Amino acid sequence: TAPVQVDAELYAFLRWCKDTAYPATDGATNI
């Protein structure tokens, strides 16, 4: 419904999941 602000630690993790883990597994690991 609206953007949710998170702390730096959780944000860095989500960015890593999208930009690193997802392409490294050809999309098979998709949060």
PDB file of all heavy atoms in Angstrom:
ATOM      1  N   THR A   1       0.809  -1.215   0.000  1.00  0.00           N
ATOM      2  CA  THR A   1       0.000   0.000   0.000  1.00  0.00           C
ATOM      3  C   THR A   1       0.845   1.270   0.000  1.00  0.00           C
ATOM      4  O   THR A   1       0.398   2.312  -0.504  1.00  0.00           O
ATOM      5  CB  THR A   1      -0.945   0.021   1.218  1.00  0.00           C
ATOM      6  OG1 THR A   1      -0.179  -0.112   2.418  1.00  0.00           O
ATOM      7  CG2 THR A   1      -1.935  -1.135   1.125  1.00  0.00           C
ATOM      8  N   ALA A   2       2.039   1.214   0.571  1.00  0.00           N
ATOM      9  CA  ALA A   2       2.917   2.385   0.611  1.00  0.00           C
ATOM     10  C   ALA A   2       4.340   1.928   0.897  1.00  0.00           C
ATOM     11  O   ALA A   2       4.552   0.865   1.490  1.00  0.00           O
ATOM     12  CB  ALA A   2       2.458   3.358   1.694  1.00  0.00           C
ATOM     13  N   PRO A   3       5.348   2.700   0.472  1.00  0.00           N
ATOM     14  CA  PRO A   3       6.732   2.329   0.780  1.00  0.00           C
ATOM     15  C   PRO A   3       6.965   2.223   2.287  1.00  0.00           C
ATOM     16  O   PRO A   3       6.481   3.062   3.055  1.00  0.00           O
ATOM     17  CB  PRO A   3       7.543   3.477   0.171  1.00  0.00           C
ATOM     18  CG  PRO A   3       6.664   4.047  -0.897  1.00  0.00           C
ATOM     19  CD  PRO A   3       5.273   3.912  -0.362  1.00  0.00           C
ATOM     20  N   VAL A   4       7.683   1.177   2.681  1.00  0.00           N
ATOM     21  CA  VAL A   4       7.999   0.948   4.093  1.00  0.00           C
ATOM     22  C   VAL A   4       9.484   1.234   4.306  1.00  0.00           C
ATOM     23  O   VAL A   4      10.334   0.636   3.640  1.00  0.00           O
ATOM     24  CB  VAL A   4       7.675  -0.496   4.513  1.00  0.00           C
ATOM     25  CG1 VAL A   4       8.122  -0.742   5.953  1.00  0.00           C
ATOM     26  CG2 VAL A   4       6.191  -0.780   4.353  1.00  0.00           C
ATOM     27  N   GLN A   5       9.785   2.133   5.222  1.00  0.00           N
ATOM     28  CA  GLN A   5      11.190   2.448   5.503  1.00  0.00           C
ATOM     29  C   GLN A   5      11.759   1.421   6.478  1.00  0.00           C
ATOM     30  O   GLN A   5      11.126   1.079   7.478  1.00  0.00           O
ATOM     31  CB  GLN A   5      11.324   3.848   6.084  1.00  0.00           C
ATOM     32  CG  GLN A   5      12.776   4.316   6.170  1.00  0.00           C
ATOM     33  CD  GLN A   5      12.883   5.791   6.493  1.00  0.00           C
ATOM     34  OE1 GLN A   5      12.241   6.277   7.417  1.00  0.00           O
ATOM     35  NE2 GLN A   5      13.702   6.507   5.732  1.00  0.00           N
ATOM     36  N   VAL A   6      12.936   0.909   6.166  1.00  0.00           N
ATOM     37  CA  VAL A   6      13.597  -0.098   6.999  1.00  0.00           C
ATOM     38  C   VAL A   6      14.975   0.405   7.377  1.00  0.00           C
ATOM     39  O   VAL A   6      15.483   1.378   6.808  1.00  0.00           O
ATOM     40  CB  VAL A   6      13.695  -1.451   6.258  1.00  0.00           C
ATOM     41  CG1 VAL A   6      12.309  -1.992   5.939  1.00  0.00           C
ATOM     42  CG2 VAL A   6      14.518  -1.322   4.972  1.00  0.00           C
ATOM     43  N   ASP A   7      15.608  -0.262   8.332  1.00  0.00           N
ATOM     44  CA  ASP A   7      16.943   0.178   8.735  1.00  0.00           C
ATOM     45  C   ASP A   7      17.979  -0.256   7.704  1.00  0.00           C
ATOM     46  O   ASP A   7      17.692  -1.027   6.780  1.00  0.00           O
ATOM     47  CB  ASP A   7      17.296  -0.291  10.143  1.00  0.00           C
ATOM     48  CG  ASP A   7      17.560  -1.788  10.239  1.00  0.00           C
ATOM     49  OD1 ASP A   7      17.664  -2.472   9.210  1.00  0.00           O
ATOM     50  OD2 ASP A   7      17.660  -2.283  11.382  1.00  0.00           O
ATOM     51  N   ALA A   8      19.187   0.254   7.872  1.00  0.00           N
ATOM     52  CA  ALA A   8      20.232   0.025   6.863  1.00  0.00           C
ATOM     53  C   ALA A   8      20.568  -1.442   6.714  1.00  0.00           C
ATOM     54  O   ALA A   8      20.865  -1.911   5.605  1.00  0.00           O
ATOM     55  CB  ALA A   8      21.484   0.822   7.229  1.00  0.00           C
ATOM     56  N   GLU A   9      20.528  -2.190   7.818  1.00  0.00           N
ATOM     57  CA  GLU A   9      20.907  -3.590   7.788  1.00  0.00           C
ATOM     58  C   GLU A   9      19.918  -4.417   6.972  1.00  0.00           C
ATOM     59  O   GLU A   9      20.311  -5.227   6.120  1.00  0.00           O
ATOM     60  CB  GLU A   9      20.991  -4.126   9.218  1.00  0.00           C
ATOM     61  CG  GLU A   9      21.892  -5.318   9.380  1.00  0.00           C
ATOM     62  CD  GLU A   9      22.293  -5.517  10.830  1.00  0.00           C
ATOM     63  OE1 GLU A   9      21.499  -5.188  11.741  1.00  0.00           O
ATOM     64  OE2 GLU A   9      23.416  -5.995  11.061  1.00  0.00           O
ATOM     65  N   LEU A  10      18.635  -4.223   7.193  1.00  0.00           N
ATOM     66  CA  LEU A  10      17.626  -4.964   6.442  1.00  0.00           C
ATOM     67  C   LEU A  10      17.600  -4.514   4.987  1.00  0.00           C
ATOM     68  O   LEU A  10      17.462  -5.337   4.080  1.00  0.00           O
ATOM     69  CB  LEU A  10      16.251  -4.775   7.072  1.00  0.00           C
ATOM     70  CG  LEU A  10      15.089  -5.525   6.396  1.00  0.00           C
ATOM     71  CD1 LEU A  10      15.385  -7.015   6.267  1.00  0.00           C
ATOM     72  CD2 LEU A  10      13.788  -5.297   7.167  1.00  0.00           C
ATOM     73  N   TYR A  11      17.777  -3.227   4.755  1.00  0.00           N
ATOM     74  CA  TYR A  11      17.788  -2.736   3.376  1.00  0.00           C
ATOM     75  C   TYR A  11      18.949  -3.334   2.583  1.00  0.00           C
ATOM     76  O   TYR A  11      18.777  -3.762   1.444  1.00  0.00           O
ATOM     77  CB  TYR A  11      17.866  -1.206   3.343  1.00  0.00           C
ATOM     78  CG  TYR A  11      17.690  -0.660   1.943  1.00  0.00           C
ATOM     79  CD1 TYR A  11      16.422  -0.462   1.420  1.00  0.00           C
ATOM     80  CD2 TYR A  11      18.792  -0.381   1.141  1.00  0.00           C
ATOM     81  CE1 TYR A  11      16.256   0.004   0.128  1.00  0.00           C
ATOM     82  CE2 TYR A  11      18.641   0.086  -0.151  1.00  0.00           C
ATOM     83  CZ  TYR A  11      17.361   0.281  -0.650  1.00  0.00           C
ATOM     84  OH  TYR A  11      17.190   0.724  -1.942  1.00  0.00           O
ATOM     85  N   ALA A  12      20.134  -3.363   3.190  1.00  0.00           N
ATOM     86  CA  ALA A  12      21.301  -3.936   2.504  1.00  0.00           C
ATOM     87  C   ALA A  12      21.066  -5.403   2.163  1.00  0.00           C
ATOM     88  O   ALA A  12      21.465  -5.877   1.091  1.00  0.00           O
ATOM     89  CB  ALA A  12      22.543  -3.781   3.376  1.00  0.00           C
ATOM     90  N   PHE A  13      20.419  -6.125   3.077  1.00  0.00           N
ATOM     91  CA  PHE A  13      20.108  -7.530   2.826  1.00  0.00           C
ATOM     92  C   PHE A  13      19.159  -7.685   1.639  1.00  0.00           C
ATOM     93  O   PHE A  13      19.398  -8.513   0.743  1.00  0.00           O
ATOM     94  CB  PHE A  13      19.489  -8.144   4.078  1.00  0.00           C
ATOM     95  CG  PHE A  13      18.894  -9.510   3.867  1.00  0.00           C
ATOM     96  CD1 PHE A  13      19.680 -10.597   3.545  1.00  0.00           C
ATOM     97  CD2 PHE A  13      17.514  -9.690   3.987  1.00  0.00           C
ATOM     98  CE1 PHE A  13      19.122 -11.857   3.351  1.00  0.00           C
ATOM     99  CE2 PHE A  13      16.953 -10.941   3.804  1.00  0.00           C
ATOM    100  CZ  PHE A  13      17.750 -12.024   3.479  1.00  0.00           C
ATOM    101  N   LEU A  14      18.105  -6.897   1.590  1.00  0.00           N
ATOM    102  CA  LEU A  14      17.153  -7.001   0.487  1.00  0.00           C
ATOM    103  C   LEU A  14      17.802  -6.620  -0.847  1.00  0.00           C
ATOM    104  O   LEU A  14      17.547  -7.255  -1.873  1.00  0.00           O
ATOM    105  CB  LEU A  14      15.932  -6.123   0.760  1.00  0.00           C
ATOM    106  CG  LEU A  14      15.071  -6.555   1.952  1.00  0.00           C
ATOM    107  CD1 LEU A  14      13.953  -5.549   2.192  1.00  0.00           C
ATOM    108  CD2 LEU A  14      14.498  -7.952   1.732  1.00  0.00           C
ATOM    109  N   ARG A  15      18.642  -5.605  -0.808  1.00  0.00           N
ATOM    110  CA  ARG A  15      19.370  -5.227  -2.038  1.00  0.00           C
ATOM    111  C   ARG A  15      20.276  -6.366  -2.492  1.00  0.00           C
ATOM    112  O   ARG A  15      20.360  -6.674  -3.677  1.00  0.00           O
ATOM    113  CB  ARG A  15      20.158  -3.944  -1.765  1.00  0.00           C
ATOM    114  CG  ARG A  15      21.059  -3.486  -2.905  1.00  0.00           C
ATOM    115  CD  ARG A  15      20.277  -3.209  -4.172  1.00  0.00           C
ATOM    116  NE  ARG A  15      19.516  -1.975  -4.125  1.00  0.00           N
ATOM    117  CZ  ARG A  15      18.646  -1.610  -5.071  1.00  0.00           C
ATOM    118  NH1 ARG A  15      18.446  -2.405  -6.119  1.00  0.00           N
ATOM    119  NH2 ARG A  15      17.967  -0.488  -4.973  1.00  0.00           N
ATOM    120  N   TRP A  16      20.941  -7.024  -1.540  1.00  0.00           N
ATOM    121  CA  TRP A  16      21.814  -8.167  -1.861  1.00  0.00           C
ATOM    122  C   TRP A  16      20.994  -9.317  -2.436  1.00  0.00           C
ATOM    123  O   TRP A  16      21.417  -9.958  -3.403  1.00  0.00           O
ATOM    124  CB  TRP A  16      22.540  -8.596  -0.594  1.00  0.00           C
ATOM    125  CG  TRP A  16      23.405  -9.803  -0.726  1.00  0.00           C
ATOM    126  CD1 TRP A  16      24.708  -9.852  -1.140  1.00  0.00           C
ATOM    127  CD2 TRP A  16      23.032 -11.158  -0.406  1.00  0.00           C
ATOM    128  NE1 TRP A  16      25.176 -11.147  -1.101  1.00  0.00           N
ATOM    129  CE2 TRP A  16      24.171 -11.965  -0.667  1.00  0.00           C
ATOM    130  CE3 TRP A  16      21.875 -11.754   0.055  1.00  0.00           C
ATOM    131  CZ2 TRP A  16      24.154 -13.346  -0.471  1.00  0.00           C
ATOM    132  CZ3 TRP A  16      21.857 -13.129   0.250  1.00  0.00           C
ATOM    133  CH2 TRP A  16      22.983 -13.911  -0.010  1.00  0.00           C
ATOM    134  N   CYS A  17      19.840  -9.582  -1.862  1.00  0.00           N
ATOM    135  CA  CYS A  17      18.986 -10.661  -2.371  1.00  0.00           C
ATOM    136  C   CYS A  17      18.589 -10.426  -3.816  1.00  0.00           C
ATOM    137  O   CYS A  17      18.602 -11.347  -4.642  1.00  0.00           O
ATOM    138  CB  CYS A  17      17.727 -10.783  -1.516  1.00  0.00           C
ATOM    139  SG  CYS A  17      17.991 -11.457   0.127  1.00  0.00           S
ATOM    140  N   LYS A  18      18.220  -9.200  -4.122  1.00  0.00           N
ATOM    141  CA  LYS A  18      17.739  -8.886  -5.476  1.00  0.00           C
ATOM    142  C   LYS A  18      18.875  -8.793  -6.484  1.00  0.00           C
ATOM    143  O   LYS A  18      18.771  -9.321  -7.596  1.00  0.00           O
ATOM    144  CB  LYS A  18      16.957  -7.569  -5.445  1.00  0.00           C
ATOM    145  CG  LYS A  18      16.365  -7.177  -6.804  1.00  0.00           C
ATOM    146  CD  LYS A  18      15.521  -5.913  -6.710  1.00  0.00           C
ATOM    147  CE  LYS A  18      14.924  -5.560  -8.074  1.00  0.00           C
ATOM    148  NZ  LYS A  18      14.081  -4.326  -7.994  1.00  0.00           N
ATOM    149  N   ASP A  19      19.970  -8.156  -6.099  1.00  0.00           N
ATOM    150  CA  ASP A  19      21.034  -7.858  -7.057  1.00  0.00           C
ATOM    151  C   ASP A  19      22.126  -8.920  -7.127  1.00  0.00           C
ATOM    152  O   ASP A  19      22.855  -8.990  -8.116  1.00  0.00           O
ATOM    153  CB  ASP A  19      21.690  -6.520  -6.711  1.00  0.00           C
ATOM    154  CG  ASP A  19      20.740  -5.347  -6.860  1.00  0.00           C
ATOM    155  OD1 ASP A  19      19.635  -5.536  -7.409  1.00  0.00           O
ATOM    156  OD2 ASP A  19      21.094  -4.244  -6.406  1.00  0.00           O
ATOM    157  N   THR A  20      22.254  -9.761  -6.079  1.00  0.00           N
ATOM    158  CA  THR A  20      23.333 -10.741  -6.038  1.00  0.00           C
ATOM    159  C   THR A  20      22.821 -12.175  -6.019  1.00  0.00           C
ATOM    160  O   THR A  20      23.150 -12.976  -6.888  1.00  0.00           O
ATOM    161  CB  THR A  20      24.238 -10.496  -4.815  1.00  0.00           C
ATOM    162  OG1 THR A  20      24.771  -9.169  -4.877  1.00  0.00           O
ATOM    163  CG2 THR A  20      25.381 -11.496  -4.785  1.00  0.00           C
ATOM    164  N   ALA A  21      22.004 -12.518  -5.018  1.00  0.00           N
ATOM    165  CA  ALA A  21      21.544 -13.905  -4.884  1.00  0.00           C
ATOM    166  C   ALA A  21      20.648 -14.334  -6.038  1.00  0.00           C
ATOM    167  O   ALA A  21      20.766 -15.455  -6.542  1.00  0.00           O
ATOM    168  CB  ALA A  21      20.819 -14.081  -3.549  1.00  0.00           C
ATOM    169  N   TYR A  22      19.762 -13.472  -6.456  1.00  0.00           N
ATOM    170  CA  TYR A  22      18.829 -13.821  -7.538  1.00  0.00           C
ATOM    171  C   TYR A  22      19.560 -14.128  -8.846  1.00  0.00           C
ATOM    172  O   TYR A  22      19.384 -15.208  -9.424  1.00  0.00           O
ATOM    173  CB  TYR A  22      17.813 -12.695  -7.722  1.00  0.00           C
ATOM    174  CG  TYR A  22      16.781 -12.956  -8.793  1.00  0.00           C
ATOM    175  CD1 TYR A  22      15.625 -13.667  -8.514  1.00  0.00           C
ATOM    176  CD2 TYR A  22      16.952 -12.469 -10.090  1.00  0.00           C
ATOM    177  CE1 TYR A  22      14.664 -13.907  -9.485  1.00  0.00           C
ATOM    178  CE2 TYR A  22      16.005 -12.692 -11.080  1.00  0.00           C
ATOM    179  CZ  TYR A  22      14.859 -13.421 -10.766  1.00  0.00           C
ATOM    180  OH  TYR A  22      13.920 -13.651 -11.752  1.00  0.00           O
ATOM    181  N   PRO A  23      20.422 -13.241  -9.353  1.00  0.00           N
ATOM    182  CA  PRO A  23      21.135 -13.587 -10.596  1.00  0.00           C
ATOM    183  C   PRO A  23      22.120 -14.735 -10.443  1.00  0.00           C
ATOM    184  O   PRO A  23      22.340 -15.493 -11.388  1.00  0.00           O
ATOM    185  CB  PRO A  23      21.847 -12.284 -10.978  1.00  0.00           C
ATOM    186  CG  PRO A  23      21.917 -11.480  -9.732  1.00  0.00           C
ATOM    187  CD  PRO A  23      20.709 -11.853  -8.940  1.00  0.00           C
ATOM    188  N   ALA A  24      22.721 -14.895  -9.253  1.00  0.00           N
ATOM    189  CA  ALA A  24      23.694 -15.973  -9.055  1.00  0.00           C
ATOM    190  C   ALA A  24      23.056 -17.344  -9.199  1.00  0.00           C
ATOM    191  O   ALA A  24      23.732 -18.323  -9.516  1.00  0.00           O
ATOM    192  CB  ALA A  24      24.355 -15.856  -7.684  1.00  0.00           C
ATOM    193  N   THR A  25      21.743 -17.427  -8.975  1.00  0.00           N
ATOM    194  CA  THR A  25      21.029 -18.702  -9.059  1.00  0.00           C
ATOM    195  C   THR A  25      20.097 -18.755 -10.265  1.00  0.00           C
ATOM    196  O   THR A  25      19.206 -19.602 -10.330  1.00  0.00           O
ATOM    197  CB  THR A  25      20.212 -18.949  -7.778  1.00  0.00           C
ATOM    198  OG1 THR A  25      19.245 -17.895  -7.625  1.00  0.00           O
ATOM    199  CG2 THR A  25      21.112 -18.998  -6.559  1.00  0.00           C
ATOM    200  N   ASP A  26      20.297 -17.858 -11.207  1.00  0.00           N
ATOM    201  CA  ASP A  26      19.464 -17.819 -12.409  1.00  0.00           C
ATOM    202  C   ASP A  26      17.983 -17.696 -12.050  1.00  0.00           C
ATOM    203  O   ASP A  26      17.113 -18.246 -12.729  1.00  0.00           O
ATOM    204  CB  ASP A  26      19.707 -19.072 -13.258  1.00  0.00           C
ATOM    205  CG  ASP A  26      19.269 -18.889 -14.715  1.00  0.00           C
ATOM    206  OD1 ASP A  26      19.249 -17.739 -15.186  1.00  0.00           O
ATOM    207  OD2 ASP A  26      18.932 -19.888 -15.367  1.00  0.00           O
ATOM    208  N   GLY A  27      17.704 -16.989 -10.966  1.00  0.00           N
ATOM    209  CA  GLY A  27      16.330 -16.746 -10.550  1.00  0.00           C
ATOM    210  C   GLY A  27      15.705 -17.853  -9.730  1.00  0.00           C
ATOM    211  O   GLY A  27      14.555 -17.727  -9.285  1.00  0.00           O
ATOM    212  N   ALA A  28      16.429 -18.936  -9.482  1.00  0.00           N
ATOM    213  CA  ALA A  28      15.848 -20.052  -8.735  1.00  0.00           C
ATOM    214  C   ALA A  28      15.689 -19.731  -7.253  1.00  0.00           C
ATOM    215  O   ALA A  28      14.817 -20.298  -6.585  1.00  0.00           O
ATOM    216  CB  ALA A  28      16.702 -21.305  -8.903  1.00  0.00           C
ATOM    217  N   THR A  29      16.531 -18.855  -6.726  1.00  0.00           N
ATOM    218  CA  THR A  29      16.376 -18.366  -5.356  1.00  0.00           C
ATOM    219  C   THR A  29      15.812 -16.960  -5.454  1.00  0.00           C
ATOM    220  O   THR A  29      16.524 -16.013  -5.780  1.00  0.00           O
ATOM    221  CB  THR A  29      17.712 -18.373  -4.608  1.00  0.00           C
ATOM    222  OG1 THR A  29      18.200 -19.720  -4.534  1.00  0.00           O
ATOM    223  CG2 THR A  29      17.543 -17.847  -3.194  1.00  0.00           C
ATOM    224  N   ASN A  30      14.516 -16.849  -5.176  1.00  0.00           N
ATOM    225  CA  ASN A  30      13.779 -15.614  -5.423  1.00  0.00           C
ATOM    226  C   ASN A  30      12.978 -15.265  -4.174  1.00  0.00           C
ATOM    227  O   ASN A  30      11.980 -15.914  -3.858  1.00  0.00           O
ATOM    228  CB  ASN A  30      12.850 -15.814  -6.625  1.00  0.00           C
ATOM    229  CG  ASN A  30      12.019 -14.586  -6.940  1.00  0.00           C
ATOM    230  OD1 ASN A  30      12.147 -13.553  -6.295  1.00  0.00           O
ATOM    231  ND2 ASN A  30      11.151 -14.696  -7.931  1.00  0.00           N
ATOM    232  N   ILE A  31      13.394 -14.218  -3.460  1.00  0.00           N
ATOM    233  CA  ILE A  31      12.706 -13.863  -2.224  1.00  0.00           C
ATOM    234  C   ILE A  31      11.315 -13.301  -2.487  1.00  0.00           C
ATOM    235  O   ILE A  31      10.513 -13.171  -1.557  1.00  0.00           O
ATOM    236  CB  ILE A  31      13.528 -12.871  -1.389  1.00  0.00           C
ATOM    237  CG1 ILE A  31      13.685 -11.529  -2.116  1.00  0.00           C
ATOM    238  CG2 ILE A  31      14.875 -13.459  -1.016  1.00  0.00           C
ATOM    239  CD1 ILE A  31      14.233 -10.417  -1.224  1.00  0.00           C
TER     240      ILE A  31
END
